[in-house]
PDB file of N, CA and C in Angstrom:
ATOM      1  N   UNK A   1     -13.632  62.026 -37.762  1.00  0.00           N
ATOM      2  CA  UNK A   1     -14.663  61.364 -38.539  1.00  0.00           C
ATOM      3  C   UNK A   1     -14.248  59.917 -38.822  1.00  0.00           C
ATOM      4  N   UNK A   2     -15.156  58.998 -38.626  1.00  0.00           N
ATOM      5  CA  UNK A   2     -14.849  57.589 -38.847  1.00  0.00           C
ATOM      6  C   UNK A   2     -14.706  57.273 -40.328  1.00  0.00           C
ATOM      7  N   UNK A   3     -13.759  56.397 -40.641  1.00  0.00           N
ATOM      8  CA  UNK A   3     -13.617  55.900 -42.002  1.00  0.00           C
ATOM      9  C   UNK A   3     -14.782  54.966 -42.272  1.00  0.00           C
ATOM     10  N   UNK A   4     -15.441  55.149 -43.401  1.00  0.00           N
ATOM     11  CA  UNK A   4     -16.587  54.328 -43.780  1.00  0.00           C
ATOM     12  C   UNK A   4     -16.104  53.217 -44.704  1.00  0.00           C
ATOM     13  N   UNK A   5     -16.268  51.990 -44.231  1.00  0.00           N
ATOM     14  CA  UNK A   5     -15.743  50.828 -44.942  1.00  0.00           C
ATOM     15  C   UNK A   5     -16.886  49.995 -45.493  1.00  0.00           C
ATOM     16  N   UNK A   6     -16.771  49.620 -46.757  1.00  0.00           N
ATOM     17  CA  UNK A   6     -17.712  48.683 -47.362  1.00  0.00           C
ATOM     18  C   UNK A   6     -16.956  47.383 -47.589  1.00  0.00           C
ATOM     19  N   UNK A   7     -17.536  46.284 -47.119  1.00  0.00           N
ATOM     20  CA  UNK A   7     -16.881  44.976 -47.119  1.00  0.00           C
ATOM     21  C   UNK A   7     -17.487  44.082 -48.193  1.00  0.00           C
ATOM     22  N   UNK A   8     -16.610  43.494 -49.013  1.00  0.00           N
ATOM     23  CA  UNK A   8     -17.033  42.527 -50.033  1.00  0.00           C
ATOM     24  C   UNK A   8     -16.365  41.202 -49.674  1.00  0.00           C
ATOM     25  N   UNK A   9     -17.150  40.320 -49.042  1.00  0.00           N
ATOM     26  CA  UNK A   9     -16.630  39.056 -48.504  1.00  0.00           C
ATOM     27  C   UNK A   9     -17.735  38.009 -48.557  1.00  0.00           C
ATOM     28  N   UNK A  10     -17.417  36.821 -49.074  1.00  0.00           N
ATOM     29  CA  UNK A  10     -18.443  35.794 -49.245  1.00  0.00           C
ATOM     30  C   UNK A  10     -18.613  34.871 -48.044  1.00  0.00           C
ATOM     31  N   UNK A  11     -17.655  34.794 -47.160  1.00  0.00           N
ATOM     32  CA  UNK A  11     -17.750  33.899 -46.011  1.00  0.00           C
ATOM     33  C   UNK A  11     -18.478  34.627 -44.878  1.00  0.00           C
ATOM     34  N   UNK A  12     -19.706  34.169 -44.520  1.00  0.00           N
ATOM     35  CA  UNK A  12     -20.477  34.883 -43.494  1.00  0.00           C
ATOM     36  C   UNK A  12     -19.761  34.974 -42.147  1.00  0.00           C
ATOM     37  N   UNK A  13     -19.103  33.913 -41.737  1.00  0.00           N
ATOM     38  CA  UNK A  13     -18.394  33.939 -40.460  1.00  0.00           C
ATOM     39  C   UNK A  13     -17.263  34.960 -40.502  1.00  0.00           C
ATOM     40  N   UNK A  14     -16.479  34.928 -41.569  1.00  0.00           N
ATOM     41  CA  UNK A  14     -15.362  35.862 -41.694  1.00  0.00           C
ATOM     42  C   UNK A  14     -15.863  37.297 -41.850  1.00  0.00           C
ATOM     43  N   UNK A  15     -16.941  37.464 -42.574  1.00  0.00           N
ATOM     44  CA  UNK A  15     -17.519  38.794 -42.725  1.00  0.00           C
ATOM     45  C   UNK A  15     -17.898  39.373 -41.370  1.00  0.00           C
ATOM     46  N   UNK A  16     -18.584  38.594 -40.553  1.00  0.00           N
ATOM     47  CA  UNK A  16     -18.984  39.058 -39.224  1.00  0.00           C
ATOM     48  C   UNK A  16     -17.765  39.316 -38.341  1.00  0.00           C
ATOM     49  N   UNK A  17     -16.777  38.440 -38.443  1.00  0.00           N
ATOM     50  CA  UNK A  17     -15.550  38.616 -37.673  1.00  0.00           C
ATOM     51  C   UNK A  17     -14.841  39.910 -38.069  1.00  0.00           C
ATOM     52  N   UNK A  18     -14.757  40.177 -39.364  1.00  0.00           N
ATOM     53  CA  UNK A  18     -14.111  41.410 -39.831  1.00  0.00           C
ATOM     54  C   UNK A  18     -14.894  42.644 -39.391  1.00  0.00           C
ATOM     55  N   UNK A  19     -16.225  42.564 -39.438  1.00  0.00           N
ATOM     56  CA  UNK A  19     -17.044  43.691 -38.994  1.00  0.00           C
ATOM     57  C   UNK A  19     -16.750  44.002 -37.532  1.00  0.00           C
ATOM     58  N   UNK A  20     -16.714  42.973 -36.698  1.00  0.00           N
ATOM     59  CA  UNK A  20     -16.418  43.166 -35.278  1.00  0.00           C
ATOM     60  C   UNK A  20     -14.988  43.664 -35.074  1.00  0.00           C
ATOM     61  N   UNK A  21     -14.061  43.121 -35.860  1.00  0.00           N
ATOM     62  CA  UNK A  21     -12.662  43.508 -35.792  1.00  0.00           C
ATOM     63  C   UNK A  21     -12.508  44.993 -36.129  1.00  0.00           C
ATOM     64  N   UNK A  22     -13.162  45.425 -37.188  1.00  0.00           N
ATOM     65  CA  UNK A  22     -13.055  46.817 -37.630  1.00  0.00           C
ATOM     66  C   UNK A  22     -13.721  47.761 -36.632  1.00  0.00           C
ATOM     67  N   UNK A  23     -14.794  47.308 -35.977  1.00  0.00           N
ATOM     68  CA  UNK A  23     -15.469  48.134 -34.965  1.00  0.00           C
ATOM     69  C   UNK A  23     -14.542  48.518 -33.828  1.00  0.00           C
ATOM     70  N   UNK A  24     -13.520  47.714 -33.587  1.00  0.00           N
ATOM     71  CA  UNK A  24     -12.591  48.005 -32.498  1.00  0.00           C
ATOM     72  C   UNK A  24     -11.799  49.284 -32.731  1.00  0.00           C
ATOM     73  N   UNK A  25     -11.726  49.728 -33.970  1.00  0.00           N
ATOM     74  CA  UNK A  25     -11.020  50.964 -34.272  1.00  0.00           C
ATOM     75  C   UNK A  25     -11.949  52.130 -33.996  1.00  0.00           C
ATOM     76  N   UNK A  26     -11.442  53.124 -33.304  1.00  0.00           N
ATOM     77  CA  UNK A  26     -12.256  54.283 -32.996  1.00  0.00           C
ATOM     78  C   UNK A  26     -12.590  55.120 -34.206  1.00  0.00           C
ATOM     79  N   UNK A  27     -11.853  54.956 -35.293  1.00  0.00           N
ATOM     80  CA  UNK A  27     -12.076  55.806 -36.456  1.00  0.00           C
ATOM     81  C   UNK A  27     -12.498  55.037 -37.702  1.00  0.00           C
ATOM     82  N   UNK A  28     -13.117  53.844 -37.529  1.00  0.00           N
ATOM     83  CA  UNK A  28     -13.567  53.064 -38.678  1.00  0.00           C
ATOM     84  C   UNK A  28     -14.856  52.328 -38.352  1.00  0.00           C
ATOM     85  N   UNK A  29     -15.740  52.216 -39.368  1.00  0.00           N
ATOM     86  CA  UNK A  29     -16.973  51.456 -39.218  1.00  0.00           C
ATOM     87  C   UNK A  29     -17.352  50.833 -40.552  1.00  0.00           C
ATOM     88  N   UNK A  30     -17.937  49.637 -40.505  1.00  0.00           N
ATOM     89  CA  UNK A  30     -18.429  48.973 -41.702  1.00  0.00           C
ATOM     90  C   UNK A  30     -19.840  49.487 -41.957  1.00  0.00           C
ATOM     91  N   UNK A  31     -20.049  50.070 -43.130  1.00  0.00           N
ATOM     92  CA  UNK A  31     -21.351  50.646 -43.455  1.00  0.00           C
ATOM     93  C   UNK A  31     -22.224  49.707 -44.274  1.00  0.00           C
ATOM     94  N   UNK A  32     -21.655  48.574 -44.736  1.00  0.00           N
ATOM     95  CA  UNK A  32     -22.413  47.604 -45.502  1.00  0.00           C
ATOM     96  C   UNK A  32     -21.513  46.514 -46.018  1.00  0.00           C
ATOM     97  N   UNK A  33     -22.144  45.485 -46.587  1.00  0.00           N
ATOM     98  CA  UNK A  33     -21.356  44.385 -47.129  1.00  0.00           C
ATOM     99  C   UNK A  33     -22.127  43.653 -48.221  1.00  0.00           C
ATOM    100  N   UNK A  34     -21.381  42.950 -49.056  1.00  0.00           N
ATOM    101  CA  UNK A  34     -21.928  42.119 -50.122  1.00  0.00           C
ATOM    102  C   UNK A  34     -21.135  40.832 -50.202  1.00  0.00           C
ATOM    103  N   UNK A  35     -21.790  39.767 -50.683  1.00  0.00           N
ATOM    104  CA  UNK A  35     -21.120  38.482 -50.834  1.00  0.00           C
ATOM    105  C   UNK A  35     -20.939  38.085 -52.295  1.00  0.00           C
ATOM    106  N   UNK A  36     -21.518  38.860 -53.228  1.00  0.00           N
ATOM    107  CA  UNK A  36     -21.414  38.530 -54.648  1.00  0.00           C
ATOM    108  C   UNK A  36     -20.880  39.728 -55.430  1.00  0.00           C
ATOM    109  N   UNK A  37     -20.319  39.427 -56.585  1.00  0.00           N
ATOM    110  CA  UNK A  37     -19.811  40.480 -57.462  1.00  0.00           C
ATOM    111  C   UNK A  37     -20.924  41.433 -57.876  1.00  0.00           C
ATOM    112  N   UNK A  38     -22.062  40.894 -58.309  1.00  0.00           N
ATOM    113  CA  UNK A  38     -23.137  41.770 -58.798  1.00  0.00           C
ATOM    114  C   UNK A  38     -23.702  42.650 -57.686  1.00  0.00           C
ATOM    115  N   UNK A  39     -23.907  42.102 -56.491  1.00  0.00           N
ATOM    116  CA  UNK A  39     -24.405  42.925 -55.381  1.00  0.00           C
ATOM    117  C   UNK A  39     -23.424  44.036 -55.043  1.00  0.00           C
ATOM    118  N   UNK A  40     -22.138  43.695 -55.011  1.00  0.00           N
ATOM    119  CA  UNK A  40     -21.122  44.702 -54.707  1.00  0.00           C
ATOM    120  C   UNK A  40     -21.073  45.784 -55.784  1.00  0.00           C
ATOM    121  N   UNK A  41     -21.038  45.372 -57.041  1.00  0.00           N
ATOM    122  CA  UNK A  41     -20.982  46.350 -58.137  1.00  0.00           C
ATOM    123  C   UNK A  41     -22.223  47.241 -58.134  1.00  0.00           C
ATOM    124  N   UNK A  42     -23.399  46.649 -57.891  1.00  0.00           N
ATOM    125  CA  UNK A  42     -24.628  47.446 -57.824  1.00  0.00           C
ATOM    126  C   UNK A  42     -24.556  48.457 -56.690  1.00  0.00           C
ATOM    127  N   UNK A  43     -24.018  48.030 -55.529  1.00  0.00           N
ATOM    128  CA  UNK A  43     -23.916  48.955 -54.402  1.00  0.00           C
ATOM    129  C   UNK A  43     -22.979  50.103 -54.738  1.00  0.00           C
ATOM    130  N   UNK A  44     -21.821  49.800 -55.299  1.00  0.00           N
ATOM    131  CA  UNK A  44     -20.862  50.863 -55.623  1.00  0.00           C
ATOM    132  C   UNK A  44     -21.391  51.777 -56.728  1.00  0.00           C
ATOM    133  N   UNK A  45     -22.156  51.218 -57.687  1.00  0.00           N
ATOM    134  CA  UNK A  45     -22.765  52.062 -58.717  1.00  0.00           C
ATOM    135  C   UNK A  45     -23.742  53.061 -58.100  1.00  0.00           C
ATOM    136  N   UNK A  46     -24.478  52.623 -57.082  1.00  0.00           N
ATOM    137  CA  UNK A  46     -25.482  53.474 -56.436  1.00  0.00           C
ATOM    138  C   UNK A  46     -24.884  54.382 -55.368  1.00  0.00           C
ATOM    139  N   UNK A  47     -23.657  54.111 -54.964  1.00  0.00           N
ATOM    140  CA  UNK A  47     -23.026  54.853 -53.867  1.00  0.00           C
ATOM    141  C   UNK A  47     -21.614  55.290 -54.252  1.00  0.00           C
ATOM    142  N   UNK A  48     -21.533  56.168 -55.213  1.00  0.00           N
ATOM    143  CA  UNK A  48     -20.214  56.616 -55.658  1.00  0.00           C
ATOM    144  C   UNK A  48     -19.479  57.370 -54.571  1.00  0.00           C
ATOM    145  N   UNK A  49     -20.209  57.995 -53.671  1.00  0.00           N
ATOM    146  CA  UNK A  49     -19.617  58.668 -52.522  1.00  0.00           C
ATOM    147  C   UNK A  49     -20.224  58.033 -51.273  1.00  0.00           C
ATOM    148  N   UNK A  50     -19.849  58.504 -50.123  1.00  0.00           N
ATOM    149  CA  UNK A  50     -20.421  57.975 -48.890  1.00  0.00           C
ATOM    150  C   UNK A  50     -19.644  56.808 -48.313  1.00  0.00           C
ATOM    151  N   UNK A  51     -18.508  56.505 -48.890  1.00  0.00           N
ATOM    152  CA  UNK A  51     -17.622  55.468 -48.352  1.00  0.00           C
ATOM    153  C   UNK A  51     -16.182  55.927 -48.569  1.00  0.00           C
ATOM    154  N   UNK A  52     -15.293  55.352 -47.759  1.00  0.00           N
ATOM    155  CA  UNK A  52     -13.884  55.742 -47.838  1.00  0.00           C
ATOM    156  C   UNK A  52     -12.964  54.609 -48.279  1.00  0.00           C
ATOM    157  N   UNK A  53     -13.286  53.384 -47.829  1.00  0.00           N
ATOM    158  CA  UNK A  53     -12.430  52.238 -48.121  1.00  0.00           C
ATOM    159  C   UNK A  53     -13.308  51.042 -48.488  1.00  0.00           C
ATOM    160  N   UNK A  54     -12.972  50.402 -49.599  1.00  0.00           N
ATOM    161  CA  UNK A  54     -13.601  49.131 -49.965  1.00  0.00           C
ATOM    162  C   UNK A  54     -12.611  48.021 -49.620  1.00  0.00           C
ATOM    163  N   UNK A  55     -13.076  47.037 -48.860  1.00  0.00           N
ATOM    164  CA  UNK A  55     -12.255  45.868 -48.531  1.00  0.00           C
ATOM    165  C   UNK A  55     -12.841  44.711 -49.322  1.00  0.00           C
ATOM    166  N   UNK A  56     -12.056  44.158 -50.255  1.00  0.00           N
ATOM    167  CA  UNK A  56     -12.569  43.208 -51.230  1.00  0.00           C
ATOM    168  C   UNK A  56     -11.816  41.883 -51.170  1.00  0.00           C
ATOM    169  N   UNK A  57     -12.570  40.792 -51.052  1.00  0.00           N
ATOM    170  CA  UNK A  57     -12.017  39.447 -51.189  1.00  0.00           C
ATOM    171  C   UNK A  57     -12.010  39.102 -52.679  1.00  0.00           C
ATOM    172  N   UNK A  58     -11.138  38.207 -53.084  1.00  0.00           N
ATOM    173  CA  UNK A  58     -11.070  37.848 -54.497  1.00  0.00           C
ATOM    174  C   UNK A  58     -12.103  36.800 -54.902  1.00  0.00           C
ATOM    175  N   UNK A  59     -12.348  35.823 -54.048  1.00  0.00           N
ATOM    176  CA  UNK A  59     -13.319  34.777 -54.363  1.00  0.00           C
ATOM    177  C   UNK A  59     -14.645  35.092 -53.697  1.00  0.00           C
ATOM    178  N   UNK A  60     -15.687  35.216 -54.498  1.00  0.00           N
ATOM    179  CA  UNK A  60     -17.009  35.554 -54.001  1.00  0.00           C
ATOM    180  C   UNK A  60     -17.984  34.434 -54.338  1.00  0.00           C
ATOM    181  N   UNK A  61     -19.187  34.477 -53.745  1.00  0.00           N
ATOM    182  CA  UNK A  61     -20.180  33.439 -54.025  1.00  0.00           C
ATOM    183  C   UNK A  61     -20.484  33.340 -55.514  1.00  0.00           C
ATOM    184  N   UNK A  62     -20.671  34.474 -56.136  1.00  0.00           N
ATOM    185  CA  UNK A  62     -20.894  34.539 -57.584  1.00  0.00           C
ATOM    186  C   UNK A  62     -20.004  35.645 -58.111  1.00  0.00           C
ATOM    187  N   UNK A  63     -19.127  35.315 -59.049  1.00  0.00           N
ATOM    188  CA  UNK A  63     -18.224  36.303 -59.602  1.00  0.00           C
ATOM    189  C   UNK A  63     -16.932  36.370 -58.816  1.00  0.00           C
ATOM    190  N   UNK A  64     -16.215  37.484 -58.991  1.00  0.00           N
ATOM    191  CA  UNK A  64     -14.936  37.630 -58.296  1.00  0.00           C
ATOM    192  C   UNK A  64     -14.646  39.070 -57.943  1.00  0.00           C
ATOM    193  N   UNK A  65     -13.750  39.231 -56.999  1.00  0.00           N
ATOM    194  CA  UNK A  65     -13.402  40.545 -56.506  1.00  0.00           C
ATOM    195  C   UNK A  65     -12.657  41.411 -57.506  1.00  0.00           C
ATOM    196  N   UNK A  66     -11.967  40.813 -58.460  1.00  0.00           N
ATOM    197  CA  UNK A  66     -11.245  41.615 -59.453  1.00  0.00           C
ATOM    198  C   UNK A  66     -12.198  42.470 -60.279  1.00  0.00           C
ATOM    199  N   UNK A  67     -13.351  41.913 -60.616  1.00  0.00           N
ATOM    200  CA  UNK A  67     -14.337  42.685 -61.369  1.00  0.00           C
ATOM    201  C   UNK A  67     -14.895  43.827 -60.520  1.00  0.00           C
ATOM    202  N   UNK A  68     -15.035  43.583 -59.234  1.00  0.00           N
ATOM    203  CA  UNK A  68     -15.499  44.634 -58.326  1.00  0.00           C
ATOM    204  C   UNK A  68     -14.469  45.771 -58.287  1.00  0.00           C
ATOM    205  N   UNK A  69     -13.205  45.412 -58.155  1.00  0.00           N
ATOM    206  CA  UNK A  69     -12.141  46.421 -58.136  1.00  0.00           C
ATOM    207  C   UNK A  69     -12.173  47.255 -59.410  1.00  0.00           C
ATOM    208  N   UNK A  70     -12.278  46.597 -60.536  1.00  0.00           N
ATOM    209  CA  UNK A  70     -12.303  47.321 -61.819  1.00  0.00           C
ATOM    210  C   UNK A  70     -13.507  48.245 -61.914  1.00  0.00           C
ATOM    211  N   UNK A  71     -14.651  47.794 -61.443  1.00  0.00           N
ATOM    212  CA  UNK A  71     -15.863  48.619 -61.474  1.00  0.00           C
ATOM    213  C   UNK A  71     -15.699  49.837 -60.573  1.00  0.00           C
ATOM    214  N   UNK A  72     -15.168  49.628 -59.393  1.00  0.00           N
ATOM    215  CA  UNK A  72     -14.978  50.745 -58.465  1.00  0.00           C
ATOM    216  C   UNK A  72     -14.029  51.774 -59.075  1.00  0.00           C
ATOM    217  N   UNK A  73     -12.949  51.320 -59.654  1.00  0.00           N
ATOM    218  CA  UNK A  73     -11.911  52.220 -60.160  1.00  0.00           C
ATOM    219  C   UNK A  73     -12.360  53.051 -61.342  1.00  0.00           C
ATOM    220  N   UNK A  74     -13.430  52.666 -62.009  1.00  0.00           N
ATOM    221  CA  UNK A  74     -13.907  53.466 -63.132  1.00  0.00           C
ATOM    222  C   UNK A  74     -14.396  54.834 -62.687  1.00  0.00           C
ATOM    223  N   UNK A  75     -14.876  54.927 -61.445  1.00  0.00           N
ATOM    224  CA  UNK A  75     -15.520  56.171 -61.045  1.00  0.00           C
ATOM    225  C   UNK A  75     -15.095  56.700 -59.685  1.00  0.00           C
ATOM    226  N   UNK A  76     -14.151  56.077 -59.011  1.00  0.00           N
ATOM    227  CA  UNK A  76     -13.902  56.540 -57.647  1.00  0.00           C
ATOM    228  C   UNK A  76     -12.440  56.841 -57.384  1.00  0.00           C
ATOM    229  N   UNK A  77     -12.239  57.638 -56.356  1.00  0.00           N
ATOM    230  CA  UNK A  77     -10.893  57.939 -55.896  1.00  0.00           C
ATOM    231  C   UNK A  77     -10.678  57.425 -54.480  1.00  0.00           C
ATOM    232  N   UNK A  78     -11.670  56.722 -53.922  1.00  0.00           N
ATOM    233  CA  UNK A  78     -11.530  56.166 -52.592  1.00  0.00           C
ATOM    234  C   UNK A  78     -10.517  55.012 -52.614  1.00  0.00           C
ATOM    235  N   UNK A  79     -10.171  54.513 -51.451  1.00  0.00           N
ATOM    236  CA  UNK A  79      -9.197  53.431 -51.317  1.00  0.00           C
ATOM    237  C   UNK A  79      -9.852  52.067 -51.544  1.00  0.00           C
ATOM    238  N   UNK A  80      -9.109  51.177 -52.197  1.00  0.00           N
ATOM    239  CA  UNK A  80      -9.547  49.797 -52.415  1.00  0.00           C
ATOM    240  C   UNK A  80      -8.467  48.879 -51.869  1.00  0.00           C
ATOM    241  N   UNK A  81      -8.874  48.017 -50.934  1.00  0.00           N
ATOM    242  CA  UNK A  81      -7.955  47.098 -50.282  1.00  0.00           C
ATOM    243  C   UNK A  81      -8.410  45.672 -50.568  1.00  0.00           C
ATOM    244  N   UNK A  82      -7.489  44.830 -51.004  1.00  0.00           N
ATOM    245  CA  UNK A  82      -7.782  43.407 -51.175  1.00  0.00           C
ATOM    246  C   UNK A  82      -7.349  42.701 -49.902  1.00  0.00           C
ATOM    247  N   UNK A  83      -8.242  41.851 -49.386  1.00  0.00           N
ATOM    248  CA  UNK A  83      -7.955  41.011 -48.229  1.00  0.00           C
ATOM    249  C   UNK A  83      -8.291  39.594 -48.647  1.00  0.00           C
ATOM    250  N   UNK A  84      -7.256  38.777 -48.898  1.00  0.00           N
ATOM    251  CA  UNK A  84      -7.468  37.465 -49.502  1.00  0.00           C
ATOM    252  C   UNK A  84      -6.451  36.450 -49.005  1.00  0.00           C
ATOM    253  N   UNK A  85      -6.811  35.187 -49.130  1.00  0.00           N
ATOM    254  CA  UNK A  85      -5.869  34.103 -48.833  1.00  0.00           C
ATOM    255  C   UNK A  85      -4.982  33.780 -50.032  1.00  0.00           C
ATOM    256  N   UNK A  86      -5.307  34.318 -51.187  1.00  0.00           N
ATOM    257  CA  UNK A  86      -4.554  34.038 -52.408  1.00  0.00           C
ATOM    258  C   UNK A  86      -3.519  35.128 -52.616  1.00  0.00           C
ATOM    259  N   UNK A  87      -2.446  35.044 -51.835  1.00  0.00           N
ATOM    260  CA  UNK A  87      -1.501  36.143 -51.741  1.00  0.00           C
ATOM    261  C   UNK A  87      -0.159  35.857 -52.401  1.00  0.00           C
ATOM    262  N   UNK A  88      -0.191  35.240 -53.549  1.00  0.00           N
ATOM    263  CA  UNK A  88       1.071  35.048 -54.257  1.00  0.00           C
ATOM    264  C   UNK A  88       1.583  36.405 -54.738  1.00  0.00           C
ATOM    265  N   UNK A  89       2.843  36.461 -55.056  1.00  0.00           N
ATOM    266  CA  UNK A  89       3.428  37.696 -55.569  1.00  0.00           C
ATOM    267  C   UNK A  89       2.726  38.115 -56.853  1.00  0.00           C
ATOM    268  N   UNK A  90       2.471  37.154 -57.725  1.00  0.00           N
ATOM    269  CA  UNK A  90       1.801  37.459 -58.990  1.00  0.00           C
ATOM    270  C   UNK A  90       0.391  38.002 -58.761  1.00  0.00           C
ATOM    271  N   UNK A  91      -0.355  37.417 -57.822  1.00  0.00           N
ATOM    272  CA  UNK A  91      -1.715  37.888 -57.554  1.00  0.00           C
ATOM    273  C   UNK A  91      -1.699  39.279 -56.933  1.00  0.00           C
ATOM    274  N   UNK A  92      -0.753  39.524 -56.040  1.00  0.00           N
ATOM    275  CA  UNK A  92      -0.637  40.867 -55.458  1.00  0.00           C
ATOM    276  C   UNK A  92      -0.404  41.902 -56.557  1.00  0.00           C
ATOM    277  N   UNK A  93       0.538  41.628 -57.429  1.00  0.00           N
ATOM    278  CA  UNK A  93       0.852  42.559 -58.518  1.00  0.00           C
ATOM    279  C   UNK A  93      -0.341  42.746 -59.447  1.00  0.00           C
ATOM    280  N   UNK A  94      -1.030  41.643 -59.753  1.00  0.00           N
ATOM    281  CA  UNK A  94      -2.188  41.711 -60.634  1.00  0.00           C
ATOM    282  C   UNK A  94      -3.280  42.601 -60.030  1.00  0.00           C
ATOM    283  N   UNK A  95      -3.532  42.432 -58.736  1.00  0.00           N
ATOM    284  CA  UNK A  95      -4.557  43.244 -58.064  1.00  0.00           C
ATOM    285  C   UNK A  95      -4.183  44.726 -58.035  1.00  0.00           C
ATOM    286  N   UNK A  96      -2.932  45.006 -57.728  1.00  0.00           N
ATOM    287  CA  UNK A  96      -2.472  46.400 -57.717  1.00  0.00           C
ATOM    288  C   UNK A  96      -2.589  46.996 -59.119  1.00  0.00           C
ATOM    289  N   UNK A  97      -2.194  46.241 -60.129  1.00  0.00           N
ATOM    290  CA  UNK A  97      -2.304  46.709 -61.512  1.00  0.00           C
ATOM    291  C   UNK A  97      -3.753  46.859 -61.956  1.00  0.00           C
ATOM    292  N   UNK A  98      -4.671  46.136 -61.311  1.00  0.00           N
ATOM    293  CA  UNK A  98      -6.096  46.225 -61.629  1.00  0.00           C
ATOM    294  C   UNK A  98      -6.794  47.367 -60.894  1.00  0.00           C
ATOM    295  N   UNK A  99      -6.078  48.029 -59.979  1.00  0.00           N
ATOM    296  CA  UNK A  99      -6.647  49.193 -59.323  1.00  0.00           C
ATOM    297  C   UNK A  99      -6.682  49.161 -57.811  1.00  0.00           C
ATOM    298  N   UNK A 100      -6.275  48.063 -57.186  1.00  0.00           N
ATOM    299  CA  UNK A 100      -6.241  48.019 -55.717  1.00  0.00           C
ATOM    300  C   UNK A 100      -5.108  48.900 -55.207  1.00  0.00           C
ATOM    301  N   UNK A 101      -5.351  49.546 -54.078  1.00  0.00           N
ATOM    302  CA  UNK A 101      -4.311  50.360 -53.448  1.00  0.00           C
ATOM    303  C   UNK A 101      -3.369  49.519 -52.610  1.00  0.00           C
ATOM    304  N   UNK A 102      -3.928  48.506 -51.944  1.00  0.00           N
ATOM    305  CA  UNK A 102      -3.133  47.621 -51.084  1.00  0.00           C
ATOM    306  C   UNK A 102      -3.676  46.207 -51.168  1.00  0.00           C
ATOM    307  N   UNK A 103      -2.838  45.247 -50.773  1.00  0.00           N
ATOM    308  CA  UNK A 103      -3.209  43.832 -50.748  1.00  0.00           C
ATOM    309  C   UNK A 103      -2.688  43.249 -49.444  1.00  0.00           C
ATOM    310  N   UNK A 104      -3.573  42.574 -48.707  1.00  0.00           N
ATOM    311  CA  UNK A 104      -3.193  41.925 -47.456  1.00  0.00           C
ATOM    312  C   UNK A 104      -3.633  40.469 -47.463  1.00  0.00           C
ATOM    313  N   UNK A 105      -2.772  39.612 -46.953  1.00  0.00           N
ATOM    314  CA  UNK A 105      -3.062  38.188 -46.801  1.00  0.00           C
ATOM    315  C   UNK A 105      -3.879  37.998 -45.532  1.00  0.00           C
ATOM    316  N   UNK A 106      -5.051  37.360 -45.674  1.00  0.00           N
ATOM    317  CA  UNK A 106      -5.928  37.135 -44.513  1.00  0.00           C
ATOM    318  C   UNK A 106      -5.245  36.318 -43.428  1.00  0.00           C
ATOM    319  N   UNK A 107      -4.416  35.377 -43.835  1.00  0.00           N
ATOM    320  CA  UNK A 107      -3.849  34.445 -42.864  1.00  0.00           C
ATOM    321  C   UNK A 107      -2.603  34.968 -42.155  1.00  0.00           C
ATOM    322  N   UNK A 108      -1.934  35.961 -42.720  1.00  0.00           N
ATOM    323  CA  UNK A 108      -0.673  36.374 -42.094  1.00  0.00           C
ATOM    324  C   UNK A 108      -0.462  37.880 -41.982  1.00  0.00           C
ATOM    325  N   UNK A 109      -1.379  38.690 -42.512  1.00  0.00           N
ATOM    326  CA  UNK A 109      -1.140  40.135 -42.504  1.00  0.00           C
ATOM    327  C   UNK A 109      -2.296  40.941 -41.902  1.00  0.00           C
ATOM    328  N   UNK A 110      -3.053  40.325 -41.009  1.00  0.00           N
ATOM    329  CA  UNK A 110      -4.151  41.070 -40.386  1.00  0.00           C
ATOM    330  C   UNK A 110      -3.643  42.246 -39.560  1.00  0.00           C
ATOM    331  N   UNK A 111      -2.459  42.112 -38.980  1.00  0.00           N
ATOM    332  CA  UNK A 111      -1.896  43.228 -38.230  1.00  0.00           C
ATOM    333  C   UNK A 111      -1.594  44.411 -39.155  1.00  0.00           C
ATOM    334  N   UNK A 112      -1.064  44.128 -40.327  1.00  0.00           N
ATOM    335  CA  UNK A 112      -0.796  45.193 -41.300  1.00  0.00           C
ATOM    336  C   UNK A 112      -2.097  45.795 -41.819  1.00  0.00           C
ATOM    337  N   UNK A 113      -3.094  44.937 -42.054  1.00  0.00           N
ATOM    338  CA  UNK A 113      -4.413  45.413 -42.469  1.00  0.00           C
ATOM    339  C   UNK A 113      -4.990  46.338 -41.406  1.00  0.00           C
ATOM    340  N   UNK A 114      -4.906  45.921 -40.160  1.00  0.00           N
ATOM    341  CA  UNK A 114      -5.408  46.709 -39.048  1.00  0.00           C
ATOM    342  C   UNK A 114      -4.736  48.077 -39.000  1.00  0.00           C
ATOM    343  N   UNK A 115      -3.432  48.084 -39.143  1.00  0.00           N
ATOM    344  CA  UNK A 115      -2.698  49.344 -39.124  1.00  0.00           C
ATOM    345  C   UNK A 115      -3.130  50.234 -40.278  1.00  0.00           C
ATOM    346  N   UNK A 116      -3.281  49.660 -41.444  1.00  0.00           N
ATOM    347  CA  UNK A 116      -3.684  50.439 -42.631  1.00  0.00           C
ATOM    348  C   UNK A 116      -5.074  51.046 -42.430  1.00  0.00           C
ATOM    349  N   UNK A 117      -6.020  50.237 -41.993  1.00  0.00           N
ATOM    350  CA  UNK A 117      -7.389  50.723 -41.790  1.00  0.00           C
ATOM    351  C   UNK A 117      -7.419  51.772 -40.671  1.00  0.00           C
ATOM    352  N   UNK A 118      -6.664  51.518 -39.623  1.00  0.00           N
ATOM    353  CA  UNK A 118      -6.697  52.409 -38.472  1.00  0.00           C
ATOM    354  C   UNK A 118      -5.940  53.704 -38.645  1.00  0.00           C
ATOM    355  N   UNK A 119      -4.935  53.710 -39.507  1.00  0.00           N
ATOM    356  CA  UNK A 119      -4.066  54.884 -39.538  1.00  0.00           C
ATOM    357  C   UNK A 119      -3.787  55.479 -40.916  1.00  0.00           C
ATOM    358  N   UNK A 120      -3.708  54.642 -41.932  1.00  0.00           N
ATOM    359  CA  UNK A 120      -3.168  55.142 -43.193  1.00  0.00           C
ATOM    360  C   UNK A 120      -4.197  55.382 -44.282  1.00  0.00           C
ATOM    361  N   UNK A 121      -5.330  54.756 -44.234  1.00  0.00           N
ATOM    362  CA  UNK A 121      -6.251  54.836 -45.379  1.00  0.00           C
ATOM    363  C   UNK A 121      -6.915  56.178 -45.497  1.00  0.00           C
TER     364      UNK A 121
END
């Protein structure tokens, strides 16, 4: 069964690139996406099940990914992955403490992200 991934990413080019990237995995598919905090939170409120992994960027068009992570964690046991360029040690720890399962740097850890999505999540 394919892993169902919901993507929260504000950059349209990167969002499309990630969707295509994730499609390359035989066991993963992007089932939807949002570019704002409110759209993402509304989607997760309406879809407590039916997804396996949320991939969340920290900076969104309106709002931020941390609020999305907190909203998801109130009601779900699915995996939450942060994929961001803001990968300081402090930010990684903050995201994990806020409820993310994993944190990957967009610029240097796409291989690790790929492995996680393809095999471990």
